[in-house]
Amino acid sequence: MMNTIELIEKMLADLKKVRGVEACAAVSREGLLISAIMQNKRFAESFAAMSATMLGAAETVITELNKGVPNRVIVESKHGMLIAVGAGPKALVVVLVDSDAGLGMVLLELEKSAEKLKELLS
């Protein structure tokens, strides 16, 4: 039987198979890296911290404006996107996608992954 970390790593491996996904990570709400699949492993911890800060800031702003809780934060550039999705009160899932990624499919799989992570950590 797989332990929680192995199940999280499998969830990330499945997410990484989605066309256009270059990197993905499971991150605690405090910005600590749980697990990541990325080329530059040295960058994984700061990637985790900055992604959690970004989503936390967006949640604070949107909540203060009485617009509910945001589903996700998307940062777009000419070369791709960074998407962070909350996974319950304890974590978030973050993906880095290239500019040709099919956004609909990425978002669908990202939501499924966030739901899995939420269940694994509850």
PDB file of N, CA and C in Angstrom:
ATOM      1  N   MET A   1       0.847  -1.194   0.000  1.00  0.00           N
ATOM      2  CA  MET A   1       0.000   0.000   0.000  1.00  0.00           C
ATOM      3  C   MET A   1       0.892   1.258   0.000  1.00  0.00           C
ATOM      4  N   MET A   2       0.511   2.250  -0.780  1.00  0.00           N
ATOM      5  CA  MET A   2       1.316   3.471  -0.909  1.00  0.00           C
ATOM      6  C   MET A   2       1.059   4.410   0.268  1.00  0.00           C
ATOM      7  N   ASN A   3       2.120   5.104   0.718  1.00  0.00           N
ATOM      8  CA  ASN A   3       1.927   6.103   1.757  1.00  0.00           C
ATOM      9  C   ASN A   3       1.488   7.433   1.126  1.00  0.00           C
ATOM     10  N   THR A   4       1.201   8.407   1.971  1.00  0.00           N
ATOM     11  CA  THR A   4       0.670   9.689   1.481  1.00  0.00           C
ATOM     12  C   THR A   4       1.620  10.373   0.497  1.00  0.00           C
ATOM     13  N   ILE A   5       2.910  10.413   0.806  1.00  0.00           N
ATOM     14  CA  ILE A   5       3.877  11.074  -0.093  1.00  0.00           C
ATOM     15  C   ILE A   5       3.915  10.366  -1.446  1.00  0.00           C
ATOM     16  N   GLU A   6       3.906   9.043  -1.443  1.00  0.00           N
ATOM     17  CA  GLU A   6       3.906   8.292  -2.705  1.00  0.00           C
ATOM     18  C   GLU A   6       2.646   8.581  -3.515  1.00  0.00           C
ATOM     19  N   LEU A   7       1.505   8.722  -2.836  1.00  0.00           N
ATOM     20  CA  LEU A   7       0.251   9.034  -3.532  1.00  0.00           C
ATOM     21  C   LEU A   7       0.293  10.450  -4.111  1.00  0.00           C
ATOM     22  N   ILE A   8       0.892  11.379  -3.374  1.00  0.00           N
ATOM     23  CA  ILE A   8       1.045  12.752  -3.875  1.00  0.00           C
ATOM     24  C   ILE A   8       1.979  12.757  -5.083  1.00  0.00           C
ATOM     25  N   GLU A   9       3.076  12.011  -5.007  1.00  0.00           N
ATOM     26  CA  GLU A   9       4.010  11.925  -6.135  1.00  0.00           C
ATOM     27  C   GLU A   9       3.353  11.317  -7.365  1.00  0.00           C
ATOM     28  N   LYS A  10       2.485  10.325  -7.176  1.00  0.00           N
ATOM     29  CA  LYS A  10       1.755   9.721  -8.298  1.00  0.00           C
ATOM     30  C   LYS A  10       0.785  10.737  -8.910  1.00  0.00           C
ATOM     31  N   MET A  11       0.085  11.484  -8.046  1.00  0.00           N
ATOM     32  CA  MET A  11      -0.845  12.513  -8.520  1.00  0.00           C
ATOM     33  C   MET A  11      -0.098  13.546  -9.364  1.00  0.00           C
ATOM     34  N   LEU A  12       1.087  13.967  -8.902  1.00  0.00           N
ATOM     35  CA  LEU A  12       1.886  14.934  -9.658  1.00  0.00           C
ATOM     36  C   LEU A  12       2.393  14.335 -10.975  1.00  0.00           C
ATOM     37  N   ALA A  13       2.799  13.065 -10.946  1.00  0.00           N
ATOM     38  CA  ALA A  13       3.276  12.403 -12.168  1.00  0.00           C
ATOM     39  C   ALA A  13       2.160  12.353 -13.214  1.00  0.00           C
ATOM     40  N   ASP A  14       0.933  12.081 -12.765  1.00  0.00           N
ATOM     41  CA  ASP A  14      -0.211  12.064 -13.684  1.00  0.00           C
ATOM     42  C   ASP A  14      -0.478  13.457 -14.248  1.00  0.00           C
ATOM     43  N   LEU A  15      -0.378  14.471 -13.398  1.00  0.00           N
ATOM     44  CA  LEU A  15      -0.592  15.850 -13.834  1.00  0.00           C
ATOM     45  C   LEU A  15       0.485  16.274 -14.834  1.00  0.00           C
ATOM     46  N   LYS A  16       1.716  15.839 -14.602  1.00  0.00           N
ATOM     47  CA  LYS A  16       2.840  16.183 -15.483  1.00  0.00           C
ATOM     48  C   LYS A  16       2.655  15.619 -16.894  1.00  0.00           C
ATOM     49  N   LYS A  17       1.846  14.548 -17.039  1.00  0.00           N
ATOM     50  CA  LYS A  17       1.593  13.928 -18.341  1.00  0.00           C
ATOM     51  C   LYS A  17       0.662  14.767 -19.221  1.00  0.00           C
ATOM     52  N   VAL A  18      -0.044  15.733 -18.633  1.00  0.00           N
ATOM     53  CA  VAL A  18      -0.960  16.574 -19.405  1.00  0.00           C
ATOM     54  C   VAL A  18      -0.138  17.428 -20.372  1.00  0.00           C
ATOM     55  N   ARG A  19      -0.575  17.471 -21.631  1.00  0.00           N
ATOM     56  CA  ARG A  19       0.162  18.205 -22.661  1.00  0.00           C
ATOM     57  C   ARG A  19       0.382  19.660 -22.255  1.00  0.00           C
ATOM     58  N   GLY A  20       1.645  20.079 -22.311  1.00  0.00           N
ATOM     59  CA  GLY A  20       1.991  21.463 -22.004  1.00  0.00           C
ATOM     60  C   GLY A  20       2.486  21.693 -20.592  1.00  0.00           C
ATOM     61  N   VAL A  21       2.259  20.734 -19.688  1.00  0.00           N
ATOM     62  CA  VAL A  21       2.709  20.923 -18.306  1.00  0.00           C
ATOM     63  C   VAL A  21       4.215  20.670 -18.238  1.00  0.00           C
ATOM     64  N   GLU A  22       4.963  21.704 -17.863  1.00  0.00           N
ATOM     65  CA  GLU A  22       6.423  21.612 -17.771  1.00  0.00           C
ATOM     66  C   GLU A  22       6.892  21.263 -16.368  1.00  0.00           C
ATOM     67  N   ALA A  23       6.151  21.714 -15.374  1.00  0.00           N
ATOM     68  CA  ALA A  23       6.520  21.461 -13.978  1.00  0.00           C
ATOM     69  C   ALA A  23       5.255  21.508 -13.140  1.00  0.00           C
ATOM     70  N   CYS A  24       5.274  20.790 -12.014  1.00  0.00           N
ATOM     71  CA  CYS A  24       4.133  20.845 -11.105  1.00  0.00           C
ATOM     72  C   CYS A  24       4.611  20.577  -9.688  1.00  0.00           C
ATOM     73  N   ALA A  25       3.847  21.088  -8.735  1.00  0.00           N
ATOM     74  CA  ALA A  25       4.241  20.938  -7.335  1.00  0.00           C
ATOM     75  C   ALA A  25       3.023  20.922  -6.428  1.00  0.00           C
ATOM     76  N   ALA A  26       3.162  20.192  -5.324  1.00  0.00           N
ATOM     77  CA  ALA A  26       2.213  20.237  -4.217  1.00  0.00           C
ATOM     78  C   ALA A  26       2.912  21.051  -3.133  1.00  0.00           C
ATOM     79  N   VAL A  27       2.200  22.041  -2.598  1.00  0.00           N
ATOM     80  CA  VAL A  27       2.797  23.015  -1.698  1.00  0.00           C
ATOM     81  C   VAL A  27       1.866  23.231  -0.503  1.00  0.00           C
ATOM     82  N   SER A  28       2.444  23.397   0.691  1.00  0.00           N
ATOM     83  CA  SER A  28       1.603  23.708   1.848  1.00  0.00           C
ATOM     84  C   SER A  28       1.162  25.170   1.750  1.00  0.00           C
ATOM     85  N   ARG A  29       0.098  25.513   2.452  1.00  0.00           N
ATOM     86  CA  ARG A  29      -0.385  26.901   2.458  1.00  0.00           C
ATOM     87  C   ARG A  29       0.673  27.858   3.009  1.00  0.00           C
ATOM     88  N   GLU A  30       1.573  27.328   3.847  1.00  0.00           N
ATOM     89  CA  GLU A  30       2.650  28.158   4.405  1.00  0.00           C
ATOM     90  C   GLU A  30       3.792  28.339   3.421  1.00  0.00           C
ATOM     91  N   GLY A  31       3.727  27.653   2.261  1.00  0.00           N
ATOM     92  CA  GLY A  31       4.766  27.810   1.247  1.00  0.00           C
ATOM     93  C   GLY A  31       5.869  26.774   1.306  1.00  0.00           C
ATOM     94  N   LEU A  32       5.658  25.714   2.089  1.00  0.00           N
ATOM     95  CA  LEU A  32       6.665  24.650   2.162  1.00  0.00           C
ATOM     96  C   LEU A  32       6.416  23.631   1.054  1.00  0.00           C
ATOM     97  N   LEU A  33       7.472  23.192   0.432  1.00  0.00           N
ATOM     98  CA  LEU A  33       7.375  22.221  -0.648  1.00  0.00           C
ATOM     99  C   LEU A  33       6.998  20.853  -0.082  1.00  0.00           C
ATOM    100  N   ILE A  34       5.935  20.263  -0.619  1.00  0.00           N
ATOM    101  CA  ILE A  34       5.559  18.899  -0.249  1.00  0.00           C
ATOM    102  C   ILE A  34       6.240  17.948  -1.226  1.00  0.00           C
ATOM    103  N   SER A  35       6.041  18.206  -2.521  1.00  0.00           N
ATOM    104  CA  SER A  35       6.677  17.398  -3.570  1.00  0.00           C
ATOM    105  C   SER A  35       6.604  18.183  -4.874  1.00  0.00           C
ATOM    106  N   ALA A  36       7.571  17.945  -5.765  1.00  0.00           N
ATOM    107  CA  ALA A  36       7.578  18.661  -7.044  1.00  0.00           C
ATOM    108  C   ALA A  36       8.195  17.804  -8.132  1.00  0.00           C
ATOM    109  N   ILE A  37       7.740  18.056  -9.343  1.00  0.00           N
ATOM    110  CA  ILE A  37       8.379  17.486 -10.532  1.00  0.00           C
ATOM    111  C   ILE A  37       8.785  18.686 -11.378  1.00  0.00           C
ATOM    112  N   MET A  38      10.073  18.983 -11.373  1.00  0.00           N
ATOM    113  CA  MET A  38      10.591  20.100 -12.157  1.00  0.00           C
ATOM    114  C   MET A  38      12.032  19.856 -12.536  1.00  0.00           C
ATOM    115  N   GLN A  39      12.431  20.487 -13.645  1.00  0.00           N
ATOM    116  CA  GLN A  39      13.809  20.359 -14.142  1.00  0.00           C
ATOM    117  C   GLN A  39      14.817  20.855 -13.116  1.00  0.00           C
ATOM    118  N   ASN A  40      14.599  22.073 -12.650  1.00  0.00           N
ATOM    119  CA  ASN A  40      15.551  22.707 -11.743  1.00  0.00           C
ATOM    120  C   ASN A  40      15.112  22.488 -10.296  1.00  0.00           C
ATOM    121  N   LYS A  41      15.569  21.400  -9.696  1.00  0.00           N
ATOM    122  CA  LYS A  41      15.170  21.042  -8.324  1.00  0.00           C
ATOM    123  C   LYS A  41      15.582  22.115  -7.310  1.00  0.00           C
ATOM    124  N   ARG A  42      16.693  22.810  -7.570  1.00  0.00           N
ATOM    125  CA  ARG A  42      17.160  23.842  -6.636  1.00  0.00           C
ATOM    126  C   ARG A  42      16.153  24.978  -6.513  1.00  0.00           C
ATOM    127  N   PHE A  43      15.362  25.195  -7.563  1.00  0.00           N
ATOM    128  CA  PHE A  43      14.394  26.279  -7.579  1.00  0.00           C
ATOM    129  C   PHE A  43      13.069  25.868  -6.935  1.00  0.00           C
ATOM    130  N   ALA A  44      12.876  24.566  -6.686  1.00  0.00           N
ATOM    131  CA  ALA A  44      11.575  24.050  -6.230  1.00  0.00           C
ATOM    132  C   ALA A  44      11.096  24.699  -4.928  1.00  0.00           C
ATOM    133  N   GLU A  45      11.993  24.896  -3.966  1.00  0.00           N
ATOM    134  CA  GLU A  45      11.560  25.450  -2.690  1.00  0.00           C
ATOM    135  C   GLU A  45      11.143  26.912  -2.778  1.00  0.00           C
ATOM    136  N   SER A  46      11.883  27.723  -3.551  1.00  0.00           N
ATOM    137  CA  SER A  46      11.471  29.122  -3.698  1.00  0.00           C
ATOM    138  C   SER A  46      10.224  29.214  -4.583  1.00  0.00           C
ATOM    139  N   PHE A  47      10.094  28.330  -5.566  1.00  0.00           N
ATOM    140  CA  PHE A  47       8.894  28.234  -6.403  1.00  0.00           C
ATOM    141  C   PHE A  47       7.677  27.969  -5.510  1.00  0.00           C
ATOM    142  N   ALA A  48       7.819  27.045  -4.582  1.00  0.00           N
ATOM    143  CA  ALA A  48       6.735  26.699  -3.658  1.00  0.00           C
ATOM    144  C   ALA A  48       6.357  27.902  -2.791  1.00  0.00           C
ATOM    145  N   ALA A  49       7.355  28.534  -2.202  1.00  0.00           N
ATOM    146  CA  ALA A  49       7.108  29.669  -1.305  1.00  0.00           C
ATOM    147  C   ALA A  49       6.437  30.831  -2.030  1.00  0.00           C
ATOM    148  N   MET A  50       6.945  31.174  -3.202  1.00  0.00           N
ATOM    149  CA  MET A  50       6.384  32.304  -3.953  1.00  0.00           C
ATOM    150  C   MET A  50       4.963  32.002  -4.465  1.00  0.00           C
ATOM    151  N   SER A  51       4.715  30.770  -4.872  1.00  0.00           N
ATOM    152  CA  SER A  51       3.383  30.387  -5.353  1.00  0.00           C
ATOM    153  C   SER A  51       2.352  30.480  -4.230  1.00  0.00           C
ATOM    154  N   ALA A  52       2.712  30.005  -3.041  1.00  0.00           N
ATOM    155  CA  ALA A  52       1.798  30.081  -1.895  1.00  0.00           C
ATOM    156  C   ALA A  52       1.526  31.536  -1.515  1.00  0.00           C
ATOM    157  N   THR A  53       2.568  32.371  -1.569  1.00  0.00           N
ATOM    158  CA  THR A  53       2.411  33.794  -1.260  1.00  0.00           C
ATOM    159  C   THR A  53       1.468  34.460  -2.266  1.00  0.00           C
ATOM    160  N   MET A  54       1.656  34.133  -3.535  1.00  0.00           N
ATOM    161  CA  MET A  54       0.831  34.695  -4.610  1.00  0.00           C
ATOM    162  C   MET A  54      -0.649  34.323  -4.427  1.00  0.00           C
ATOM    163  N   LEU A  55      -0.918  33.027  -4.196  1.00  0.00           N
ATOM    164  CA  LEU A  55      -2.304  32.588  -4.022  1.00  0.00           C
ATOM    165  C   LEU A  55      -2.895  33.180  -2.744  1.00  0.00           C
ATOM    166  N   GLY A  56      -2.108  33.216  -1.678  1.00  0.00           N
ATOM    167  CA  GLY A  56      -2.585  33.796  -0.421  1.00  0.00           C
ATOM    168  C   GLY A  56      -2.955  35.262  -0.573  1.00  0.00           C
ATOM    169  N   ALA A  57      -2.125  36.012  -1.291  1.00  0.00           N
ATOM    170  CA  ALA A  57      -2.403  37.433  -1.521  1.00  0.00           C
ATOM    171  C   ALA A  57      -3.677  37.615  -2.336  1.00  0.00           C
ATOM    172  N   ALA A  58      -3.841  36.803  -3.371  1.00  0.00           N
ATOM    173  CA  ALA A  58      -5.049  36.881  -4.209  1.00  0.00           C
ATOM    174  C   ALA A  58      -6.293  36.541  -3.385  1.00  0.00           C
ATOM    175  N   GLU A  59      -6.192  35.523  -2.541  1.00  0.00           N
ATOM    176  CA  GLU A  59      -7.331  35.147  -1.699  1.00  0.00           C
ATOM    177  C   GLU A  59      -7.695  36.276  -0.743  1.00  0.00           C
ATOM    178  N   THR A  60      -6.686  36.933  -0.160  1.00  0.00           N
ATOM    179  CA  THR A  60      -6.937  38.045   0.756  1.00  0.00           C
ATOM    180  C   THR A  60      -7.640  39.194   0.037  1.00  0.00           C
ATOM    181  N   VAL A  61      -7.131  39.577  -1.121  1.00  0.00           N
ATOM    182  CA  VAL A  61      -7.705  40.697  -1.874  1.00  0.00           C
ATOM    183  C   VAL A  61      -9.145  40.411  -2.291  1.00  0.00           C
ATOM    184  N   ILE A  62      -9.383  39.261  -2.908  1.00  0.00           N
ATOM    185  CA  ILE A  62     -10.719  38.931  -3.420  1.00  0.00           C
ATOM    186  C   ILE A  62     -11.723  38.799  -2.270  1.00  0.00           C
ATOM    187  N   THR A  63     -11.291  38.190  -1.156  1.00  0.00           N
ATOM    188  CA  THR A  63     -12.174  38.036   0.005  1.00  0.00           C
ATOM    189  C   THR A  63     -12.515  39.405   0.587  1.00  0.00           C
ATOM    190  N   GLU A  64     -11.507  40.296   0.707  1.00  0.00           N
ATOM    191  CA  GLU A  64     -11.732  41.649   1.229  1.00  0.00           C
ATOM    192  C   GLU A  64     -12.714  42.428   0.356  1.00  0.00           C
ATOM    193  N   LEU A  65     -12.738  42.129  -0.937  1.00  0.00           N
ATOM    194  CA  LEU A  65     -13.647  42.818  -1.863  1.00  0.00           C
ATOM    195  C   LEU A  65     -15.011  42.121  -1.939  1.00  0.00           C
ATOM    196  N   ASN A  66     -15.235  41.175  -1.033  1.00  0.00           N
ATOM    197  CA  ASN A  66     -16.497  40.430  -0.953  1.00  0.00           C
ATOM    198  C   ASN A  66     -16.846  39.701  -2.244  1.00  0.00           C
ATOM    199  N   LYS A  67     -15.846  39.117  -2.878  1.00  0.00           N
ATOM    200  CA  LYS A  67     -16.073  38.364  -4.120  1.00  0.00           C
ATOM    201  C   LYS A  67     -15.875  36.861  -3.904  1.00  0.00           C
ATOM    202  N   GLY A  68     -15.919  36.434  -2.652  1.00  0.00           N
ATOM    203  CA  GLY A  68     -15.762  35.006  -2.363  1.00  0.00           C
ATOM    204  C   GLY A  68     -14.298  34.619  -2.323  1.00  0.00           C
ATOM    205  N   VAL A  69     -14.051  33.327  -2.481  1.00  0.00           N
ATOM    206  CA  VAL A  69     -12.677  32.811  -2.470  1.00  0.00           C
ATOM    207  C   VAL A  69     -12.297  32.466  -3.908  1.00  0.00           C
ATOM    208  N   PRO A  70     -11.140  32.936  -4.397  1.00  0.00           N
ATOM    209  CA  PRO A  70     -10.766  32.645  -5.786  1.00  0.00           C
ATOM    210  C   PRO A  70     -10.488  31.151  -5.998  1.00  0.00           C
ATOM    211  N   ASN A  71     -10.844  30.657  -7.181  1.00  0.00           N
ATOM    212  CA  ASN A  71     -10.598  29.260  -7.539  1.00  0.00           C
ATOM    213  C   ASN A  71      -9.135  29.030  -7.861  1.00  0.00           C
ATOM    214  N   ARG A  72      -8.521  30.032  -8.484  1.00  0.00           N
ATOM    215  CA  ARG A  72      -7.143  29.859  -8.947  1.00  0.00           C
ATOM    216  C   ARG A  72      -6.530  31.221  -9.228  1.00  0.00           C
ATOM    217  N   VAL A  73      -5.201  31.211  -9.340  1.00  0.00           N
ATOM    218  CA  VAL A  73      -4.467  32.396  -9.781  1.00  0.00           C
ATOM    219  C   VAL A  73      -3.706  31.969 -11.033  1.00  0.00           C
ATOM    220  N   ILE A  74      -3.804  32.779 -12.083  1.00  0.00           N
ATOM    221  CA  ILE A  74      -3.094  32.493 -13.328  1.00  0.00           C
ATOM    222  C   ILE A  74      -2.197  33.687 -13.649  1.00  0.00           C
ATOM    223  N   VAL A  75      -0.918  33.407 -13.830  1.00  0.00           N
ATOM    224  CA  VAL A  75       0.026  34.440 -14.242  1.00  0.00           C
ATOM    225  C   VAL A  75       0.468  34.068 -15.652  1.00  0.00           C
ATOM    226  N   GLU A  76       0.224  34.983 -16.593  1.00  0.00           N
ATOM    227  CA  GLU A  76       0.558  34.704 -17.993  1.00  0.00           C
ATOM    228  C   GLU A  76       1.765  35.515 -18.434  1.00  0.00           C
ATOM    229  N   SER A  77       2.600  34.888 -19.239  1.00  0.00           N
ATOM    230  CA  SER A  77       3.690  35.612 -19.889  1.00  0.00           C
ATOM    231  C   SER A  77       3.729  35.167 -21.347  1.00  0.00           C
ATOM    232  N   LYS A  78       4.629  35.756 -22.100  1.00  0.00           N
ATOM    233  CA  LYS A  78       4.757  35.399 -23.518  1.00  0.00           C
ATOM    234  C   LYS A  78       5.134  33.925 -23.680  1.00  0.00           C
ATOM    235  N   HIS A  79       5.842  33.362 -22.698  1.00  0.00           N
ATOM    236  CA  HIS A  79       6.377  32.004 -22.825  1.00  0.00           C
ATOM    237  C   HIS A  79       5.589  30.928 -22.080  1.00  0.00           C
ATOM    238  N   GLY A  80       4.523  31.321 -21.391  1.00  0.00           N
ATOM    239  CA  GLY A  80       3.737  30.320 -20.689  1.00  0.00           C
ATOM    240  C   GLY A  80       2.950  30.899 -19.537  1.00  0.00           C
ATOM    241  N   MET A  81       2.484  30.001 -18.666  1.00  0.00           N
ATOM    242  CA  MET A  81       1.653  30.407 -17.543  1.00  0.00           C
ATOM    243  C   MET A  81       2.037  29.654 -16.285  1.00  0.00           C
ATOM    244  N   LEU A  82       1.806  30.303 -15.168  1.00  0.00           N
ATOM    245  CA  LEU A  82       1.908  29.681 -13.860  1.00  0.00           C
ATOM    246  C   LEU A  82       0.489  29.685 -13.303  1.00  0.00           C
ATOM    247  N   ILE A  83       0.002  28.525 -12.887  1.00  0.00           N
ATOM    248  CA  ILE A  83      -1.359  28.436 -12.358  1.00  0.00           C
ATOM    249  C   ILE A  83      -1.297  27.782 -10.984  1.00  0.00           C
ATOM    250  N   ALA A  84      -1.888  28.446 -10.002  1.00  0.00           N
ATOM    251  CA  ALA A  84      -1.949  27.920  -8.637  1.00  0.00           C
ATOM    252  C   ALA A  84      -3.409  27.734  -8.252  1.00  0.00           C
ATOM    253  N   VAL A  85      -3.722  26.562  -7.712  1.00  0.00           N
ATOM    254  CA  VAL A  85      -5.091  26.223  -7.310  1.00  0.00           C
ATOM    255  C   VAL A  85      -5.069  25.747  -5.866  1.00  0.00           C
ATOM    256  N   GLY A  86      -5.977  26.269  -5.050  1.00  0.00           N
ATOM    257  CA  GLY A  86      -6.082  25.814  -3.669  1.00  0.00           C
ATOM    258  C   GLY A  86      -6.546  24.364  -3.624  1.00  0.00           C
ATOM    259  N   ALA A  87      -5.993  23.624  -2.647  1.00  0.00           N
ATOM    260  CA  ALA A  87      -6.368  22.221  -2.439  1.00  0.00           C
ATOM    261  C   ALA A  87      -6.785  22.072  -0.980  1.00  0.00           C
ATOM    262  N   GLY A  88      -7.877  22.721  -0.628  1.00  0.00           N
ATOM    263  CA  GLY A  88      -8.337  22.686   0.754  1.00  0.00           C
ATOM    264  C   GLY A  88      -7.564  23.653   1.625  1.00  0.00           C
ATOM    265  N   PRO A  89      -7.752  23.540   2.944  1.00  0.00           N
ATOM    266  CA  PRO A  89      -7.143  24.498   3.871  1.00  0.00           C
ATOM    267  C   PRO A  89      -5.650  24.297   4.092  1.00  0.00           C
ATOM    268  N   LYS A  90      -5.105  23.167   3.654  1.00  0.00           N
ATOM    269  CA  LYS A  90      -3.709  22.858   3.971  1.00  0.00           C
ATOM    270  C   LYS A  90      -2.724  23.037   2.825  1.00  0.00           C
ATOM    271  N   ALA A  91      -3.209  23.039   1.559  1.00  0.00           N
ATOM    272  CA  ALA A  91      -2.248  22.965   0.455  1.00  0.00           C
ATOM    273  C   ALA A  91      -2.746  23.631  -0.817  1.00  0.00           C
ATOM    274  N   LEU A  92      -1.872  23.629  -1.823  1.00  0.00           N
ATOM    275  CA  LEU A  92      -2.215  24.077  -3.161  1.00  0.00           C
ATOM    276  C   LEU A  92      -1.414  23.253  -4.160  1.00  0.00           C
ATOM    277  N   VAL A  93      -1.897  23.267  -5.401  1.00  0.00           N
ATOM    278  CA  VAL A  93      -1.181  22.608  -6.496  1.00  0.00           C
ATOM    279  C   VAL A  93      -0.817  23.702  -7.477  1.00  0.00           C
ATOM    280  N   VAL A  94       0.422  23.666  -7.955  1.00  0.00           N
ATOM    281  CA  VAL A  94       0.913  24.690  -8.877  1.00  0.00           C
ATOM    282  C   VAL A  94       1.467  24.008 -10.117  1.00  0.00           C
ATOM    283  N   VAL A  95       1.148  24.568 -11.292  1.00  0.00           N
ATOM    284  CA  VAL A  95       1.730  24.055 -12.531  1.00  0.00           C
ATOM    285  C   VAL A  95       2.351  25.198 -13.315  1.00  0.00           C
ATOM    286  N   LEU A  96       3.387  24.850 -14.050  1.00  0.00           N
ATOM    287  CA  LEU A  96       4.014  25.759 -14.997  1.00  0.00           C
ATOM    288  C   LEU A  96       3.741  25.150 -16.359  1.00  0.00           C
ATOM    289  N   VAL A  97       3.073  25.905 -17.235  1.00  0.00           N
ATOM    290  CA  VAL A  97       2.715  25.360 -18.547  1.00  0.00           C
ATOM    291  C   VAL A  97       3.307  26.201 -19.660  1.00  0.00           C
ATOM    292  N   ASP A  98       3.599  25.550 -20.798  1.00  0.00           N
ATOM    293  CA  ASP A  98       4.153  26.293 -21.926  1.00  0.00           C
ATOM    294  C   ASP A  98       3.042  27.045 -22.657  1.00  0.00           C
ATOM    295  N   SER A  99       3.429  27.925 -23.553  1.00  0.00           N
ATOM    296  CA  SER A  99       2.462  28.806 -24.209  1.00  0.00           C
ATOM    297  C   SER A  99       1.502  28.077 -25.147  1.00  0.00           C
ATOM    298  N   ASP A 100       1.818  26.849 -25.573  1.00  0.00           N
ATOM    299  CA  ASP A 100       0.890  26.138 -26.468  1.00  0.00           C
ATOM    300  C   ASP A 100      -0.042  25.188 -25.716  1.00  0.00           C
ATOM    301  N   ALA A 101       0.011  25.178 -24.406  1.00  0.00           N
ATOM    302  CA  ALA A 101      -0.813  24.240 -23.631  1.00  0.00           C
ATOM    303  C   ALA A 101      -2.294  24.505 -23.868  1.00  0.00           C
ATOM    304  N   GLY A 102      -3.075  23.435 -23.896  1.00  0.00           N
ATOM    305  CA  GLY A 102      -4.532  23.571 -23.973  1.00  0.00           C
ATOM    306  C   GLY A 102      -5.037  23.914 -22.582  1.00  0.00           C
ATOM    307  N   LEU A 103      -5.381  25.178 -22.377  1.00  0.00           N
ATOM    308  CA  LEU A 103      -5.730  25.665 -21.043  1.00  0.00           C
ATOM    309  C   LEU A 103      -6.899  24.900 -20.431  1.00  0.00           C
ATOM    310  N   GLY A 104      -7.915  24.582 -21.217  1.00  0.00           N
ATOM    311  CA  GLY A 104      -9.081  23.869 -20.703  1.00  0.00           C
ATOM    312  C   GLY A 104      -8.709  22.538 -20.079  1.00  0.00           C
ATOM    313  N   MET A 105      -7.899  21.761 -20.786  1.00  0.00           N
ATOM    314  CA  MET A 105      -7.492  20.448 -20.290  1.00  0.00           C
ATOM    315  C   MET A 105      -6.604  20.585 -19.050  1.00  0.00           C
ATOM    316  N   VAL A 106      -5.690  21.549 -19.067  1.00  0.00           N
ATOM    317  CA  VAL A 106      -4.812  21.773 -17.919  1.00  0.00           C
ATOM    318  C   VAL A 106      -5.652  22.130 -16.689  1.00  0.00           C
ATOM    319  N   LEU A 107      -6.603  23.051 -16.843  1.00  0.00           N
ATOM    320  CA  LEU A 107      -7.429  23.467 -15.705  1.00  0.00           C
ATOM    321  C   LEU A 107      -8.265  22.309 -15.171  1.00  0.00           C
ATOM    322  N   LEU A 108      -8.814  21.502 -16.069  1.00  0.00           N
ATOM    323  CA  LEU A 108      -9.620  20.347 -15.663  1.00  0.00           C
ATOM    324  C   LEU A 108      -8.786  19.377 -14.824  1.00  0.00           C
ATOM    325  N   GLU A 109      -7.602  19.025 -15.316  1.00  0.00           N
ATOM    326  CA  GLU A 109      -6.733  18.092 -14.599  1.00  0.00           C
ATOM    327  C   GLU A 109      -6.185  18.697 -13.307  1.00  0.00           C
ATOM    328  N   LEU A 110      -5.953  20.000 -13.337  1.00  0.00           N
ATOM    329  CA  LEU A 110      -5.468  20.695 -12.147  1.00  0.00           C
ATOM    330  C   LEU A 110      -6.509  20.655 -11.033  1.00  0.00           C
ATOM    331  N   GLU A 111      -7.770  20.869 -11.382  1.00  0.00           N
ATOM    332  CA  GLU A 111      -8.860  20.799 -10.395  1.00  0.00           C
ATOM    333  C   GLU A 111      -8.964  19.395  -9.803  1.00  0.00           C
ATOM    334  N   LYS A 112      -8.864  18.369 -10.655  1.00  0.00           N
ATOM    335  CA  LYS A 112      -8.912  16.980 -10.173  1.00  0.00           C
ATOM    336  C   LYS A 112      -7.755  16.713  -9.211  1.00  0.00           C
ATOM    337  N   SER A 113      -6.569  17.190  -9.571  1.00  0.00           N
ATOM    338  CA  SER A 113      -5.385  16.992  -8.734  1.00  0.00           C
ATOM    339  C   SER A 113      -5.536  17.703  -7.393  1.00  0.00           C
ATOM    340  N   ALA A 114      -6.084  18.918  -7.417  1.00  0.00           N
ATOM    341  CA  ALA A 114      -6.285  19.675  -6.176  1.00  0.00           C
ATOM    342  C   ALA A 114      -7.261  18.945  -5.261  1.00  0.00           C
ATOM    343  N   GLU A 115      -8.298  18.367  -5.852  1.00  0.00           N
ATOM    344  CA  GLU A 115      -9.281  17.612  -5.064  1.00  0.00           C
ATOM    345  C   GLU A 115      -8.632  16.381  -4.434  1.00  0.00           C
ATOM    346  N   LYS A 116      -7.795  15.679  -5.222  1.00  0.00           N
ATOM    347  CA  LYS A 116      -7.073  14.494  -4.714  1.00  0.00           C
ATOM    348  C   LYS A 116      -6.160  14.891  -3.550  1.00  0.00           C
ATOM    349  N   LEU A 117      -5.422  15.983  -3.735  1.00  0.00           N
ATOM    350  CA  LEU A 117      -4.482  16.421  -2.700  1.00  0.00           C
ATOM    351  C   LEU A 117      -5.236  16.792  -1.429  1.00  0.00           C
ATOM    352  N   LYS A 118      -6.353  17.481  -1.584  1.00  0.00           N
ATOM    353  CA  LYS A 118      -7.184  17.860  -0.425  1.00  0.00           C
ATOM    354  C   LYS A 118      -7.598  16.608   0.348  1.00  0.00           C
ATOM    355  N   GLU A 119      -8.054  15.572  -0.366  1.00  0.00           N
ATOM    356  CA  GLU A 119      -8.465  14.304   0.267  1.00  0.00           C
ATOM    357  C   GLU A 119      -7.279  13.617   0.952  1.00  0.00           C
ATOM    358  N   LEU A 120      -6.133  13.604   0.284  1.00  0.00           N
ATOM    359  CA  LEU A 120      -4.951  12.941   0.851  1.00  0.00           C
ATOM    360  C   LEU A 120      -4.470  13.591   2.144  1.00  0.00           C
ATOM    361  N   LEU A 121      -4.658  14.902   2.261  1.00  0.00           N
ATOM    362  CA  LEU A 121      -4.162  15.619   3.419  1.00  0.00           C
ATOM    363  C   LEU A 121      -5.205  15.835   4.514  1.00  0.00           C
ATOM    364  N   SER A 122      -6.444  15.393   4.256  1.00  0.00           N
ATOM    365  CA  SER A 122      -7.499  15.624   5.267  1.00  0.00           C
ATOM    366  C   SER A 122      -7.501  14.553   6.347  1.00  0.00           C
TER     367      SER A 122
END
